[in-house]
Full PDB file with SEQRES, HELIX, SHEET, SSBOND, CRYST1, ORIGX, SCALE, CONECT and MASTER records, all heavy atoms in Angstrom:
SEQRES   1 A   43  TRP LEU PRO THR PHE THR ASP TRP ARG VAL LEU GLY ILE          
SEQRES   2 A   43  PRO ALA PRO TRP LEU ILE LEU ALA VAL GLY VAL TYR PRO          
SEQRES   3 A   43  LEU ILE GLY THR CYS ALA TRP LEU TYR ILE ARG ALA ALA          
SEQRES   4 A   43  THR LYS ASN GLU                                              
HELIX    1 AA1 PRO A    3  ASP A    7  1                                   5    
HELIX    2 AA2 ALA A   15  LEU A   18  1                                   4    
HELIX    3 AA3 ILE A   19  GLY A   23  3                                   5    
HELIX    4 AA4 VAL A   24  ASN A   42  1                                  19    
SHEET    1 AA1 2 ARG A   9  VAL A  10  0                                        
SHEET    2 AA1 2 ILE A  13  PRO A  14 -1                                        
CRYST1    1.000    1.000    1.000  90.00  90.00  90.00 P 1           1          
ORIGX1      1.000000  0.000000  0.000000        0.00000                         
ORIGX2      0.000000  1.000000  0.000000        0.00000                         
ORIGX3      0.000000  0.000000  1.000000        0.00000                         
SCALE1      1.000000  0.000000  0.000000        0.00000                         
SCALE2      0.000000  1.000000  0.000000        0.00000                         
SCALE3      0.000000  0.000000  1.000000        0.00000                         
ATOM      1  N   TRP A   1      -2.684 154.761 129.320  1.00  0.00           N  
ATOM      2  CA  TRP A   1      -2.192 156.152 129.206  1.00  0.00           C  
ATOM      3  C   TRP A   1      -1.661 156.700 130.528  1.00  0.00           C  
ATOM      4  O   TRP A   1      -0.965 157.679 130.489  1.00  0.00           O  
ATOM      5  CB  TRP A   1      -3.303 157.019 128.664  1.00  0.00           C  
ATOM      6  CG  TRP A   1      -3.626 156.770 127.230  1.00  0.00           C  
ATOM      7  CD1 TRP A   1      -2.775 156.259 126.296  1.00  0.00           C  
ATOM      8  CD2 TRP A   1      -4.867 156.970 126.606  1.00  0.00           C  
ATOM      9  NE1 TRP A   1      -3.454 156.095 125.094  1.00  0.00           N  
ATOM     10  CE2 TRP A   1      -4.742 156.549 125.257  1.00  0.00           C  
ATOM     11  CE3 TRP A   1      -6.075 157.457 127.000  1.00  0.00           C  
ATOM     12  CZ2 TRP A   1      -5.754 156.651 124.349  1.00  0.00           C  
ATOM     13  CZ3 TRP A   1      -7.113 157.529 126.099  1.00  0.00           C  
ATOM     14  CH2 TRP A   1      -6.949 157.086 124.757  1.00  0.00           C  
ATOM     15  N   LEU A   2      -2.007 156.119 131.608  1.00  0.00           N  
ATOM     16  CA  LEU A   2      -1.470 156.560 132.906  1.00  0.00           C  
ATOM     17  C   LEU A   2      -0.637 155.451 133.544  1.00  0.00           C  
ATOM     18  O   LEU A   2      -1.149 154.675 134.351  1.00  0.00           O  
ATOM     19  CB  LEU A   2      -2.620 156.947 133.859  1.00  0.00           C  
ATOM     20  CG  LEU A   2      -3.421 158.177 133.508  1.00  0.00           C  
ATOM     21  CD1 LEU A   2      -4.561 158.370 134.447  1.00  0.00           C  
ATOM     22  CD2 LEU A   2      -2.545 159.409 133.487  1.00  0.00           C  
ATOM     23  N   PRO A   3       0.576 155.321 133.154  1.00  0.00           N  
ATOM     24  CA  PRO A   3       1.438 154.232 133.674  1.00  0.00           C  
ATOM     25  C   PRO A   3       1.575 154.292 135.169  1.00  0.00           C  
ATOM     26  O   PRO A   3       1.773 153.260 135.833  1.00  0.00           O  
ATOM     27  CB  PRO A   3       2.765 154.374 132.964  1.00  0.00           C  
ATOM     28  CG  PRO A   3       2.675 155.601 132.123  1.00  0.00           C  
ATOM     29  CD  PRO A   3       1.323 156.142 132.220  1.00  0.00           C  
ATOM     30  N   THR A   4       1.491 155.453 135.765  1.00  0.00           N  
ATOM     31  CA  THR A   4       1.604 155.552 137.198  1.00  0.00           C  
ATOM     32  C   THR A   4       0.391 154.869 137.911  1.00  0.00           C  
ATOM     33  O   THR A   4       0.498 154.453 139.043  1.00  0.00           O  
ATOM     34  CB  THR A   4       1.743 157.012 137.686  1.00  0.00           C  
ATOM     35  OG1 THR A   4       0.556 157.725 137.255  1.00  0.00           O  
ATOM     36  CG2 THR A   4       2.961 157.643 137.132  1.00  0.00           C  
ATOM     37  N   PHE A   5      -0.715 154.816 137.207  1.00  0.00           N  
ATOM     38  CA  PHE A   5      -1.917 154.155 137.728  1.00  0.00           C  
ATOM     39  C   PHE A   5      -1.651 152.683 138.030  1.00  0.00           C  
ATOM     40  O   PHE A   5      -2.187 152.104 138.964  1.00  0.00           O  
ATOM     41  CB  PHE A   5      -3.071 154.357 136.761  1.00  0.00           C  
ATOM     42  CG  PHE A   5      -4.359 153.695 137.227  1.00  0.00           C  
ATOM     43  CD1 PHE A   5      -5.076 154.252 138.322  1.00  0.00           C  
ATOM     44  CD2 PHE A   5      -4.869 152.609 136.605  1.00  0.00           C  
ATOM     45  CE1 PHE A   5      -6.241 153.671 138.739  1.00  0.00           C  
ATOM     46  CE2 PHE A   5      -6.025 152.006 137.004  1.00  0.00           C  
ATOM     47  CZ  PHE A   5      -6.731 152.566 138.115  1.00  0.00           C  
ATOM     48  N   THR A   6      -0.841 152.069 137.217  1.00  0.00           N  
ATOM     49  CA  THR A   6      -0.535 150.623 137.394  1.00  0.00           C  
ATOM     50  C   THR A   6       0.304 150.378 138.645  1.00  0.00           C  
ATOM     51  O   THR A   6       0.343 149.267 139.187  1.00  0.00           O  
ATOM     52  CB  THR A   6       0.190 150.017 136.161  1.00  0.00           C  
ATOM     53  OG1 THR A   6       1.396 150.733 135.970  1.00  0.00           O  
ATOM     54  CG2 THR A   6      -0.705 150.058 134.963  1.00  0.00           C  
ATOM     55  N   ASP A   7       0.998 151.440 139.113  1.00  0.00           N  
ATOM     56  CA  ASP A   7       1.814 151.285 140.319  1.00  0.00           C  
ATOM     57  C   ASP A   7       0.994 151.450 141.590  1.00  0.00           C  
ATOM     58  O   ASP A   7       1.493 151.135 142.678  1.00  0.00           O  
ATOM     59  CB  ASP A   7       2.930 152.301 140.322  1.00  0.00           C  
ATOM     60  CG  ASP A   7       3.914 152.062 139.145  1.00  0.00           C  
ATOM     61  OD1 ASP A   7       3.995 150.935 138.687  1.00  0.00           O  
ATOM     62  OD2 ASP A   7       4.534 153.042 138.682  1.00  0.00           O  
ATOM     63  N   TRP A   8      -0.197 151.976 141.513  1.00  0.00           N  
ATOM     64  CA  TRP A   8      -0.996 152.206 142.697  1.00  0.00           C  
ATOM     65  C   TRP A   8      -1.439 150.847 143.281  1.00  0.00           C  
ATOM     66  O   TRP A   8      -1.728 149.892 142.610  1.00  0.00           O  
ATOM     67  CB  TRP A   8      -2.284 152.960 142.375  1.00  0.00           C  
ATOM     68  CG  TRP A   8      -2.075 154.396 141.944  1.00  0.00           C  
ATOM     69  CD1 TRP A   8      -0.897 155.092 141.892  1.00  0.00           C  
ATOM     70  CD2 TRP A   8      -3.068 155.263 141.472  1.00  0.00           C  
ATOM     71  NE1 TRP A   8      -1.105 156.330 141.460  1.00  0.00           N  
ATOM     72  CE2 TRP A   8      -2.436 156.511 141.166  1.00  0.00           C  
ATOM     73  CE3 TRP A   8      -4.420 155.168 141.284  1.00  0.00           C  
ATOM     74  CZ2 TRP A   8      -3.132 157.577 140.677  1.00  0.00           C  
ATOM     75  CZ3 TRP A   8      -5.121 156.284 140.798  1.00  0.00           C  
ATOM     76  CH2 TRP A   8      -4.472 157.461 140.516  1.00  0.00           C  
ATOM     77  N   ARG A   9      -1.465 150.806 144.627  1.00  0.00           N  
ATOM     78  CA  ARG A   9      -1.882 149.572 145.264  1.00  0.00           C  
ATOM     79  C   ARG A   9      -2.876 149.891 146.403  1.00  0.00           C  
ATOM     80  O   ARG A   9      -2.672 150.882 147.111  1.00  0.00           O  
ATOM     81  CB  ARG A   9      -0.679 148.805 145.869  1.00  0.00           C  
ATOM     82  CG  ARG A   9       0.223 148.303 144.798  1.00  0.00           C  
ATOM     83  CD  ARG A   9       1.311 147.402 145.406  1.00  0.00           C  
ATOM     84  NE  ARG A   9       2.131 146.814 144.349  1.00  0.00           N  
ATOM     85  CZ  ARG A   9       1.810 145.742 143.659  1.00  0.00           C  
ATOM     86  NH1 ARG A   9       0.696 145.087 143.885  1.00  0.00           N  
ATOM     87  NH2 ARG A   9       2.607 145.295 142.709  1.00  0.00           N  
ATOM     88  N   VAL A  10      -3.866 149.094 146.522  1.00  0.00           N  
ATOM     89  CA  VAL A  10      -4.866 149.240 147.603  1.00  0.00           C  
ATOM     90  C   VAL A  10      -4.858 147.926 148.356  1.00  0.00           C  
ATOM     91  O   VAL A  10      -5.162 146.857 147.785  1.00  0.00           O  
ATOM     92  CB  VAL A  10      -6.249 149.547 147.042  1.00  0.00           C  
ATOM     93  CG1 VAL A  10      -7.252 149.640 148.161  1.00  0.00           C  
ATOM     94  CG2 VAL A  10      -6.242 150.820 146.251  1.00  0.00           C  
ATOM     95  N   LEU A  11      -4.401 147.937 149.599  1.00  0.00           N  
ATOM     96  CA  LEU A  11      -4.297 146.735 150.422  1.00  0.00           C  
ATOM     97  C   LEU A  11      -3.399 145.695 149.749  1.00  0.00           C  
ATOM     98  O   LEU A  11      -3.660 144.464 149.806  1.00  0.00           O  
ATOM     99  CB  LEU A  11      -5.651 146.133 150.755  1.00  0.00           C  
ATOM    100  CG  LEU A  11      -6.615 147.051 151.508  1.00  0.00           C  
ATOM    101  CD1 LEU A  11      -7.975 146.407 151.605  1.00  0.00           C  
ATOM    102  CD2 LEU A  11      -6.104 147.361 152.891  1.00  0.00           C  
ATOM    103  N   GLY A  12      -2.365 146.162 149.039  1.00  0.00           N  
ATOM    104  CA  GLY A  12      -1.389 145.280 148.403  1.00  0.00           C  
ATOM    105  C   GLY A  12      -1.847 144.752 147.053  1.00  0.00           C  
ATOM    106  O   GLY A  12      -1.142 144.009 146.383  1.00  0.00           O  
ATOM    107  N   ILE A  13      -3.052 145.141 146.594  1.00  0.00           N  
ATOM    108  CA  ILE A  13      -3.562 144.684 145.317  1.00  0.00           C  
ATOM    109  C   ILE A  13      -3.428 145.810 144.298  1.00  0.00           C  
ATOM    110  O   ILE A  13      -3.816 146.965 144.592  1.00  0.00           O  
ATOM    111  CB  ILE A  13      -5.065 144.270 145.419  1.00  0.00           C  
ATOM    112  CG1 ILE A  13      -5.199 143.206 146.489  1.00  0.00           C  
ATOM    113  CG2 ILE A  13      -5.596 143.807 144.103  1.00  0.00           C  
ATOM    114  CD1 ILE A  13      -6.664 142.915 146.874  1.00  0.00           C  
ATOM    115  N   PRO A  14      -2.878 145.516 143.088  1.00  0.00           N  
ATOM    116  CA  PRO A  14      -2.710 146.558 142.131  1.00  0.00           C  
ATOM    117  C   PRO A  14      -4.116 147.168 141.716  1.00  0.00           C  
ATOM    118  O   PRO A  14      -5.097 146.458 141.608  1.00  0.00           O  
ATOM    119  CB  PRO A  14      -2.107 145.887 140.901  1.00  0.00           C  
ATOM    120  CG  PRO A  14      -1.502 144.633 141.452  1.00  0.00           C  
ATOM    121  CD  PRO A  14      -2.295 144.253 142.655  1.00  0.00           C  
ATOM    122  N   ALA A  15      -4.135 148.484 141.543  1.00  0.00           N  
ATOM    123  CA  ALA A  15      -5.387 149.192 141.246  1.00  0.00           C  
ATOM    124  C   ALA A  15      -6.103 148.673 139.977  1.00  0.00           C  
ATOM    125  O   ALA A  15      -7.323 148.498 139.973  1.00  0.00           O  
ATOM    126  CB  ALA A  15      -5.148 150.687 141.185  1.00  0.00           C  
ATOM    127  N   PRO A  16      -5.349 148.402 138.865  1.00  0.00           N  
ATOM    128  CA  PRO A  16      -6.062 147.866 137.691  1.00  0.00           C  
ATOM    129  C   PRO A  16      -6.792 146.529 137.972  1.00  0.00           C  
ATOM    130  O   PRO A  16      -7.871 146.288 137.453  1.00  0.00           O  
ATOM    131  CB  PRO A  16      -4.925 147.683 136.672  1.00  0.00           C  
ATOM    132  CG  PRO A  16      -3.897 148.647 137.059  1.00  0.00           C  
ATOM    133  CD  PRO A  16      -3.936 148.721 138.558  1.00  0.00           C  
ATOM    134  N   TRP A  17      -6.189 145.710 138.772  1.00  0.00           N  
ATOM    135  CA  TRP A  17      -6.865 144.455 139.133  1.00  0.00           C  
ATOM    136  C   TRP A  17      -8.107 144.688 139.943  1.00  0.00           C  
ATOM    137  O   TRP A  17      -9.114 143.991 139.759  1.00  0.00           O  
ATOM    138  CB  TRP A  17      -5.875 143.544 139.925  1.00  0.00           C  
ATOM    139  CG  TRP A  17      -4.829 142.931 139.056  1.00  0.00           C  
ATOM    140  CD1 TRP A  17      -3.795 143.534 138.443  1.00  0.00           C  
ATOM    141  CD2 TRP A  17      -4.767 141.540 138.726  1.00  0.00           C  
ATOM    142  NE1 TRP A  17      -3.053 142.635 137.747  1.00  0.00           N  
ATOM    143  CE2 TRP A  17      -3.620 141.394 137.910  1.00  0.00           C  
ATOM    144  CE3 TRP A  17      -5.525 140.446 139.058  1.00  0.00           C  
ATOM    145  CZ2 TRP A  17      -3.275 140.152 137.390  1.00  0.00           C  
ATOM    146  CZ3 TRP A  17      -5.154 139.229 138.513  1.00  0.00           C  
ATOM    147  CH2 TRP A  17      -4.049 139.084 137.748  1.00  0.00           C  
ATOM    148  N   LEU A  18      -7.992 145.638 140.853  1.00  0.00           N  
ATOM    149  CA  LEU A  18      -9.177 145.997 141.635  1.00  0.00           C  
ATOM    150  C   LEU A  18     -10.323 146.508 140.782  1.00  0.00           C  
ATOM    151  O   LEU A  18     -11.464 146.139 140.988  1.00  0.00           O  
ATOM    152  CB  LEU A  18      -8.815 147.053 142.687  1.00  0.00           C  
ATOM    153  CG  LEU A  18      -8.565 146.509 144.083  1.00  0.00           C  
ATOM    154  CD1 LEU A  18      -8.062 147.578 144.958  1.00  0.00           C  
ATOM    155  CD2 LEU A  18      -9.796 145.870 144.669  1.00  0.00           C  
ATOM    156  N   ILE A  19      -9.975 147.356 139.827  1.00  0.00           N  
ATOM    157  CA  ILE A  19     -10.994 147.877 138.931  1.00  0.00           C  
ATOM    158  C   ILE A  19     -11.664 146.740 138.149  1.00  0.00           C  
ATOM    159  O   ILE A  19     -12.903 146.705 138.023  1.00  0.00           O  
ATOM    160  CB  ILE A  19     -10.440 148.938 137.980  1.00  0.00           C  
ATOM    161  CG1 ILE A  19     -10.158 150.229 138.772  1.00  0.00           C  
ATOM    162  CG2 ILE A  19     -11.395 149.215 136.865  1.00  0.00           C  
ATOM    163  CD1 ILE A  19      -9.550 151.301 137.949  1.00  0.00           C  
ATOM    164  N   LEU A  20     -10.855 145.832 137.645  1.00  0.00           N  
ATOM    165  CA  LEU A  20     -11.424 144.725 136.884  1.00  0.00           C  
ATOM    166  C   LEU A  20     -12.192 143.752 137.766  1.00  0.00           C  
ATOM    167  O   LEU A  20     -13.193 143.185 137.347  1.00  0.00           O  
ATOM    168  CB  LEU A  20     -10.322 143.984 136.123  1.00  0.00           C  
ATOM    169  CG  LEU A  20      -9.757 144.739 134.901  1.00  0.00           C  
ATOM    170  CD1 LEU A  20      -8.565 143.958 134.337  1.00  0.00           C  
ATOM    171  CD2 LEU A  20     -10.811 144.936 133.877  1.00  0.00           C  
ATOM    172  N   ALA A  21     -11.712 143.511 138.995  1.00  0.00           N  
ATOM    173  CA  ALA A  21     -12.311 142.549 139.846  1.00  0.00           C  
ATOM    174  C   ALA A  21     -13.551 143.080 140.554  1.00  0.00           C  
ATOM    175  O   ALA A  21     -14.548 142.359 140.736  1.00  0.00           O  
ATOM    176  CB  ALA A  21     -11.334 142.033 140.869  1.00  0.00           C  
ATOM    177  N   VAL A  22     -13.528 144.336 140.955  1.00  0.00           N  
ATOM    178  CA  VAL A  22     -14.623 144.858 141.779  1.00  0.00           C  
ATOM    179  C   VAL A  22     -15.398 145.952 141.051  1.00  0.00           C  
ATOM    180  O   VAL A  22     -16.614 146.022 141.122  1.00  0.00           O  
ATOM    181  CB  VAL A  22     -14.083 145.417 143.121  1.00  0.00           C  
ATOM    182  CG1 VAL A  22     -15.176 146.013 143.977  1.00  0.00           C  
ATOM    183  CG2 VAL A  22     -13.317 144.323 143.891  1.00  0.00           C  
ATOM    184  N   GLY A  23     -14.711 146.805 140.332  1.00  0.00           N  
ATOM    185  CA  GLY A  23     -15.351 147.992 139.730  1.00  0.00           C  
ATOM    186  C   GLY A  23     -16.228 147.687 138.558  1.00  0.00           C  
ATOM    187  O   GLY A  23     -17.053 148.482 138.201  1.00  0.00           O  
ATOM    188  N   VAL A  24     -16.065 146.523 137.921  1.00  0.00           N  
ATOM    189  CA  VAL A  24     -16.877 146.219 136.729  1.00  0.00           C  
ATOM    190  C   VAL A  24     -18.274 145.761 137.103  1.00  0.00           C  
ATOM    191  O   VAL A  24     -19.220 146.024 136.357  1.00  0.00           O  
ATOM    192  CB  VAL A  24     -16.132 145.169 135.902  1.00  0.00           C  
ATOM    193  CG1 VAL A  24     -17.006 144.667 134.750  1.00  0.00           C  
ATOM    194  CG2 VAL A  24     -14.861 145.729 135.314  1.00  0.00           C  
ATOM    195  N   TYR A  25     -18.440 145.174 138.280  1.00  0.00           N  
ATOM    196  CA  TYR A  25     -19.748 144.641 138.646  1.00  0.00           C  
ATOM    197  C   TYR A  25     -20.820 145.717 138.809  1.00  0.00           C  
ATOM    198  O   TYR A  25     -21.914 145.527 138.349  1.00  0.00           O  
ATOM    199  CB  TYR A  25     -19.614 143.769 139.914  1.00  0.00           C  
ATOM    200  CG  TYR A  25     -18.898 142.476 139.592  1.00  0.00           C  
ATOM    201  CD1 TYR A  25     -17.608 142.284 140.063  1.00  0.00           C  
ATOM    202  CD2 TYR A  25     -19.468 141.491 138.813  1.00  0.00           C  
ATOM    203  CE1 TYR A  25     -16.962 141.121 139.754  1.00  0.00           C  
ATOM    204  CE2 TYR A  25     -18.823 140.332 138.547  1.00  0.00           C  
ATOM    205  CZ  TYR A  25     -17.546 140.166 138.984  1.00  0.00           C  
ATOM    206  OH  TYR A  25     -16.878 139.006 138.674  1.00  0.00           O  
ATOM    207  N   PRO A  26     -20.524 146.846 139.418  1.00  0.00           N  
ATOM    208  CA  PRO A  26     -21.535 147.907 139.420  1.00  0.00           C  
ATOM    209  C   PRO A  26     -21.888 148.394 137.983  1.00  0.00           C  
ATOM    210  O   PRO A  26     -23.037 148.707 137.687  1.00  0.00           O  
ATOM    211  CB  PRO A  26     -20.918 149.047 140.255  1.00  0.00           C  
ATOM    212  CG  PRO A  26     -19.907 148.383 141.100  1.00  0.00           C  
ATOM    213  CD  PRO A  26     -19.411 147.219 140.294  1.00  0.00           C  
ATOM    214  N   LEU A  27     -20.898 148.383 137.109  1.00  0.00           N  
ATOM    215  CA  LEU A  27     -21.126 148.755 135.721  1.00  0.00           C  
ATOM    216  C   LEU A  27     -22.041 147.747 135.058  1.00  0.00           C  
ATOM    217  O   LEU A  27     -22.993 148.135 134.356  1.00  0.00           O  
ATOM    218  CB  LEU A  27     -19.820 148.874 134.977  1.00  0.00           C  
ATOM    219  CG  LEU A  27     -19.898 149.183 133.506  1.00  0.00           C  
ATOM    220  CD1 LEU A  27     -20.442 150.601 133.318  1.00  0.00           C  
ATOM    221  CD2 LEU A  27     -18.533 149.065 132.859  1.00  0.00           C  
ATOM    222  N   ILE A  28     -21.823 146.510 135.261  1.00  0.00           N  
ATOM    223  CA  ILE A  28     -22.695 145.466 134.703  1.00  0.00           C  
ATOM    224  C   ILE A  28     -24.130 145.603 135.259  1.00  0.00           C  
ATOM    225  O   ILE A  28     -25.070 145.549 134.509  1.00  0.00           O  
ATOM    226  CB  ILE A  28     -22.141 144.048 135.027  1.00  0.00           C  
ATOM    227  CG1 ILE A  28     -20.816 143.792 134.294  1.00  0.00           C  
ATOM    228  CG2 ILE A  28     -23.164 142.959 134.700  1.00  0.00           C  
ATOM    229  CD1 ILE A  28     -20.124 142.521 134.724  1.00  0.00           C  
ATOM    230  N   GLY A  29     -24.250 145.809 136.586  1.00  0.00           N  
ATOM    231  CA  GLY A  29     -25.529 145.985 137.160  1.00  0.00           C  
ATOM    232  C   GLY A  29     -26.298 147.180 136.658  1.00  0.00           C  
ATOM    233  O   GLY A  29     -27.469 147.153 136.375  1.00  0.00           O  
ATOM    234  N   THR A  30     -25.550 148.306 136.484  1.00  0.00           N  
ATOM    235  CA  THR A  30     -26.197 149.510 135.940  1.00  0.00           C  
ATOM    236  C   THR A  30     -26.658 149.317 134.502  1.00  0.00           C  
ATOM    237  O   THR A  30     -27.750 149.713 134.151  1.00  0.00           O  
ATOM    238  CB  THR A  30     -25.177 150.678 136.026  1.00  0.00           C  
ATOM    239  OG1 THR A  30     -24.779 150.845 137.379  1.00  0.00           O  
ATOM    240  CG2 THR A  30     -25.814 151.962 135.514  1.00  0.00           C  
ATOM    241  N   CYS A  31     -25.814 148.688 133.698  1.00  0.00           N  
ATOM    242  CA  CYS A  31     -26.217 148.429 132.301  1.00  0.00           C  
ATOM    243  C   CYS A  31     -27.430 147.518 132.241  1.00  0.00           C  
ATOM    244  O   CYS A  31     -28.353 147.716 131.446  1.00  0.00           O  
ATOM    245  CB  CYS A  31     -25.040 147.807 131.506  1.00  0.00           C  
ATOM    246  SG  CYS A  31     -23.738 148.952 131.100  1.00  0.00           S  
ATOM    247  N   ALA A  32     -27.465 146.477 133.081  1.00  0.00           N  
ATOM    248  CA  ALA A  32     -28.577 145.559 133.099  1.00  0.00           C  
ATOM    249  C   ALA A  32     -29.856 146.286 133.556  1.00  0.00           C  
ATOM    250  O   ALA A  32     -30.925 146.121 132.980  1.00  0.00           O  
ATOM    251  CB  ALA A  32     -28.292 144.392 134.033  1.00  0.00           C  
ATOM    252  N   TRP A  33     -29.750 147.116 134.576  1.00  0.00           N  
ATOM    253  CA  TRP A  33     -30.907 147.882 135.080  1.00  0.00           C  
ATOM    254  C   TRP A  33     -31.426 148.784 134.032  1.00  0.00           C  
ATOM    255  O   TRP A  33     -32.650 148.879 133.768  1.00  0.00           O  
ATOM    256  CB  TRP A  33     -30.514 148.617 136.344  1.00  0.00           C  
ATOM    257  CG  TRP A  33     -31.625 149.473 136.859  1.00  0.00           C  
ATOM    258  CD1 TRP A  33     -32.737 149.013 137.548  1.00  0.00           C  
ATOM    259  CD2 TRP A  33     -31.769 150.871 136.780  1.00  0.00           C  
ATOM    260  NE1 TRP A  33     -33.534 150.078 137.855  1.00  0.00           N  
ATOM    261  CE2 TRP A  33     -32.946 151.252 137.410  1.00  0.00           C  
ATOM    262  CE3 TRP A  33     -30.962 151.871 136.182  1.00  0.00           C  
ATOM    263  CZ2 TRP A  33     -33.383 152.529 137.511  1.00  0.00           C  
ATOM    264  CZ3 TRP A  33     -31.414 153.181 136.307  1.00  0.00           C  
ATOM    265  CH2 TRP A  33     -32.574 153.531 136.930  1.00  0.00           C  
ATOM    266  N   LEU A  34     -30.549 149.528 133.297  1.00  0.00           N  
ATOM    267  CA  LEU A  34     -30.984 150.434 132.245  1.00  0.00           C  
ATOM    268  C   LEU A  34     -31.640 149.680 131.096  1.00  0.00           C  
ATOM    269  O   LEU A  34     -32.645 150.105 130.518  1.00  0.00           O  
ATOM    270  CB  LEU A  34     -29.796 151.255 131.733  1.00  0.00           C  
ATOM    271  CG  LEU A  34     -29.276 152.342 132.680  1.00  0.00           C  
ATOM    272  CD1 LEU A  34     -27.986 152.925 132.125  1.00  0.00           C  
ATOM    273  CD2 LEU A  34     -30.309 153.419 132.887  1.00  0.00           C  
ATOM    274  N   TYR A  35     -31.068 148.524 130.755  1.00  0.00           N  
ATOM    275  CA  TYR A  35     -31.631 147.708 129.683  1.00  0.00           C  
ATOM    276  C   TYR A  35     -33.029 147.237 130.012  1.00  0.00           C  
ATOM    277  O   TYR A  35     -33.968 147.361 129.205  1.00  0.00           O  
ATOM    278  CB  TYR A  35     -30.731 146.520 129.327  1.00  0.00           C  
ATOM    279  CG  TYR A  35     -31.353 145.630 128.297  1.00  0.00           C  
ATOM    280  CD1 TYR A  35     -31.313 145.943 126.966  1.00  0.00           C  
ATOM    281  CD2 TYR A  35     -32.039 144.478 128.662  1.00  0.00           C  
ATOM    282  CE1 TYR A  35     -31.898 145.169 126.005  1.00  0.00           C  
ATOM    283  CE2 TYR A  35     -32.637 143.670 127.706  1.00  0.00           C  
ATOM    284  CZ  TYR A  35     -32.565 144.012 126.387  1.00  0.00           C  
ATOM    285  OH  TYR A  35     -33.184 143.252 125.453  1.00  0.00           O  
ATOM    286  N   ILE A  36     -33.224 146.706 131.203  1.00  0.00           N  
ATOM    287  CA  ILE A  36     -34.501 146.183 131.615  1.00  0.00           C  
ATOM    288  C   ILE A  36     -35.530 147.279 131.637  1.00  0.00           C  
ATOM    289  O   ILE A  36     -36.697 147.116 131.187  1.00  0.00           O  
ATOM    290  CB  ILE A  36     -34.431 145.448 132.954  1.00  0.00           C  
ATOM    291  CG1 ILE A  36     -33.649 144.164 132.802  1.00  0.00           C  
ATOM    292  CG2 ILE A  36     -35.793 145.191 133.572  1.00  0.00           C  
ATOM    293  CD1 ILE A  36     -33.301 143.447 134.087  1.00  0.00           C  
ATOM    294  N   ARG A  37     -35.160 148.466 132.143  1.00  0.00           N  
ATOM    295  CA  ARG A  37     -36.069 149.586 132.260  1.00  0.00           C  
ATOM    296  C   ARG A  37     -36.527 150.030 130.849  1.00  0.00           C  
ATOM    297  O   ARG A  37     -37.705 150.210 130.591  1.00  0.00           O  
ATOM    298  CB  ARG A  37     -35.374 150.699 132.969  1.00  0.00           C  
ATOM    299  CG  ARG A  37     -36.224 151.856 133.263  1.00  0.00           C  
ATOM    300  CD  ARG A  37     -35.516 152.817 134.134  1.00  0.00           C  
ATOM    301  NE  ARG A  37     -35.993 154.150 133.836  1.00  0.00           N  
ATOM    302  CZ  ARG A  37     -35.314 155.268 133.938  1.00  0.00           C  
ATOM    303  NH1 ARG A  37     -34.094 155.252 134.370  1.00  0.00           N  
ATOM    304  NH2 ARG A  37     -35.855 156.399 133.620  1.00  0.00           N  
ATOM    305  N   ALA A  38     -35.559 150.135 129.902  1.00  0.00           N  
ATOM    306  CA  ALA A  38     -35.909 150.587 128.564  1.00  0.00           C  
ATOM    307  C   ALA A  38     -36.677 149.519 127.804  1.00  0.00           C  
ATOM    308  O   ALA A  38     -37.582 149.786 127.021  1.00  0.00           O  
ATOM    309  CB  ALA A  38     -34.659 150.949 127.782  1.00  0.00           C  
ATOM    310  N   ALA A  39     -36.310 148.214 127.986  1.00  0.00           N  
ATOM    311  CA  ALA A  39     -37.018 147.148 127.310  1.00  0.00           C  
ATOM    312  C   ALA A  39     -38.473 147.073 127.803  1.00  0.00           C  
ATOM    313  O   ALA A  39     -39.370 146.813 126.994  1.00  0.00           O  
ATOM    314  CB  ALA A  39     -36.310 145.851 127.555  1.00  0.00           C  
ATOM    315  N   THR A  40     -38.687 147.311 129.108  1.00  0.00           N  
ATOM    316  CA  THR A  40     -40.062 147.318 129.612  1.00  0.00           C  
ATOM    317  C   THR A  40     -40.857 148.443 128.998  1.00  0.00           C  
ATOM    318  O   THR A  40     -42.031 148.242 128.653  1.00  0.00           O  
ATOM    319  CB  THR A  40     -40.031 147.450 131.141  1.00  0.00           C  
ATOM    320  OG1 THR A  40     -39.250 146.382 131.652  1.00  0.00           O  
ATOM    321  CG2 THR A  40     -41.396 147.407 131.720  1.00  0.00           C  
ATOM    322  N   LYS A  41     -40.234 149.607 128.813  1.00  0.00           N  
ATOM    323  CA  LYS A  41     -40.928 150.748 128.164  1.00  0.00           C  
ATOM    324  C   LYS A  41     -41.296 150.374 126.733  1.00  0.00           C  
ATOM    325  O   LYS A  41     -42.411 150.681 126.254  1.00  0.00           O  
ATOM    326  CB  LYS A  41     -40.107 151.999 128.160  1.00  0.00           C  
ATOM    327  CG  LYS A  41     -40.060 152.684 129.520  1.00  0.00           C  
ATOM    328  CD  LYS A  41     -39.268 153.956 129.432  1.00  0.00           C  
ATOM    329  CE  LYS A  41     -39.164 154.633 130.774  1.00  0.00           C  
ATOM    330  NZ  LYS A  41     -38.357 155.847 130.753  1.00  0.00           N  
ATOM    331  N   ASN A  42     -40.380 149.731 125.978  1.00  0.00           N  
ATOM    332  CA  ASN A  42     -40.645 149.303 124.629  1.00  0.00           C  
ATOM    333  C   ASN A  42     -41.864 148.362 124.578  1.00  0.00           C  
ATOM    334  O   ASN A  42     -42.743 148.483 123.775  1.00  0.00           O  
ATOM    335  CB  ASN A  42     -39.454 148.619 124.025  1.00  0.00           C  
ATOM    336  CG  ASN A  42     -38.398 149.576 123.518  1.00  0.00           C  
ATOM    337  OD1 ASN A  42     -38.639 150.779 123.415  1.00  0.00           O  
ATOM    338  ND2 ASN A  42     -37.223 149.075 123.287  1.00  0.00           N  
ATOM    339  N   GLU A  43     -41.852 147.395 125.496  1.00  0.00           N  
ATOM    340  CA  GLU A  43     -42.928 146.386 125.537  1.00  0.00           C  
ATOM    341  C   GLU A  43     -44.267 147.038 125.926  1.00  0.00           C  
ATOM    342  O   GLU A  43     -45.325 146.675 125.405  1.00  0.00           O  
ATOM    343  CB  GLU A  43     -42.571 145.275 126.467  1.00  0.00           C  
ATOM    344  CG  GLU A  43     -41.490 144.402 125.923  1.00  0.00           C  
ATOM    345  CD  GLU A  43     -40.966 143.410 126.966  1.00  0.00           C  
ATOM    346  OE1 GLU A  43     -41.457 143.395 128.064  1.00  0.00           O  
ATOM    347  OE2 GLU A  43     -40.025 142.651 126.601  1.00  0.00           O  
TER     348      GLU A  43                                                      
MASTER        0    0    0    4    2    0    0    6  347    1    0    4          
END                                                                             
């Protein structure tokens, strides 16, 4: 929805690539941490 976002570059790397390459890992870690915390409460 934001085509101008695809034109952004950080250190020569397109912003969408950066989000997929770097930005997803904190999201994965947060989801894993929330899951473990809630699963421990269930147990």
